[in-house]
């Protein structure tokens, strides 16, 4: 049980620290908080955490897949470069959300989902962080319990930072 708590805390700490750099999500939550729209900020935060759960899960599962398939790890630098290139082109080519001002009829939760979905760079971030943490033996993901403990820690760290920002 203590091992699961440690994995949870490592996920929480690295997620909190990784979420500090200002970005569209942080600034949108801050804007809602400054306008005293705390309910909207919390709904936006919940949506962002939901997307973070999916993106982090995909990244961790992919990292686990890479460590079990050594033939792919030999070419990991090439695969990483291609993935970063595709994500970079995607981010440069998308129009993005021009206006972060709340509009009548736009639900904060939906806006949080859309803005978070437009941030696929969370996947390579968690891929790299998870590989580092496992390499340093700060976490060892052996099954569903440790996997979900880590992912829930990531979500808790993101939630905690965004609530503080709001």
Foldseek 3Di string as FASTA:
>chain_A
DVQLVLLLQVLLVVLLVVQPDDDPLLVLLLVCVVVVVLVLSLLLLVLLLVLLLVLLLVLVVVLVVCVVDVVCVVVVVVVVVVVVVVLVVLLVPDPADDDSDDDPPDRSNVVSNVNNVNCSVSNVVSNVVVVVCVVVPSHDDDDDSSSVSSSNSSSNNSSVNSSVSD
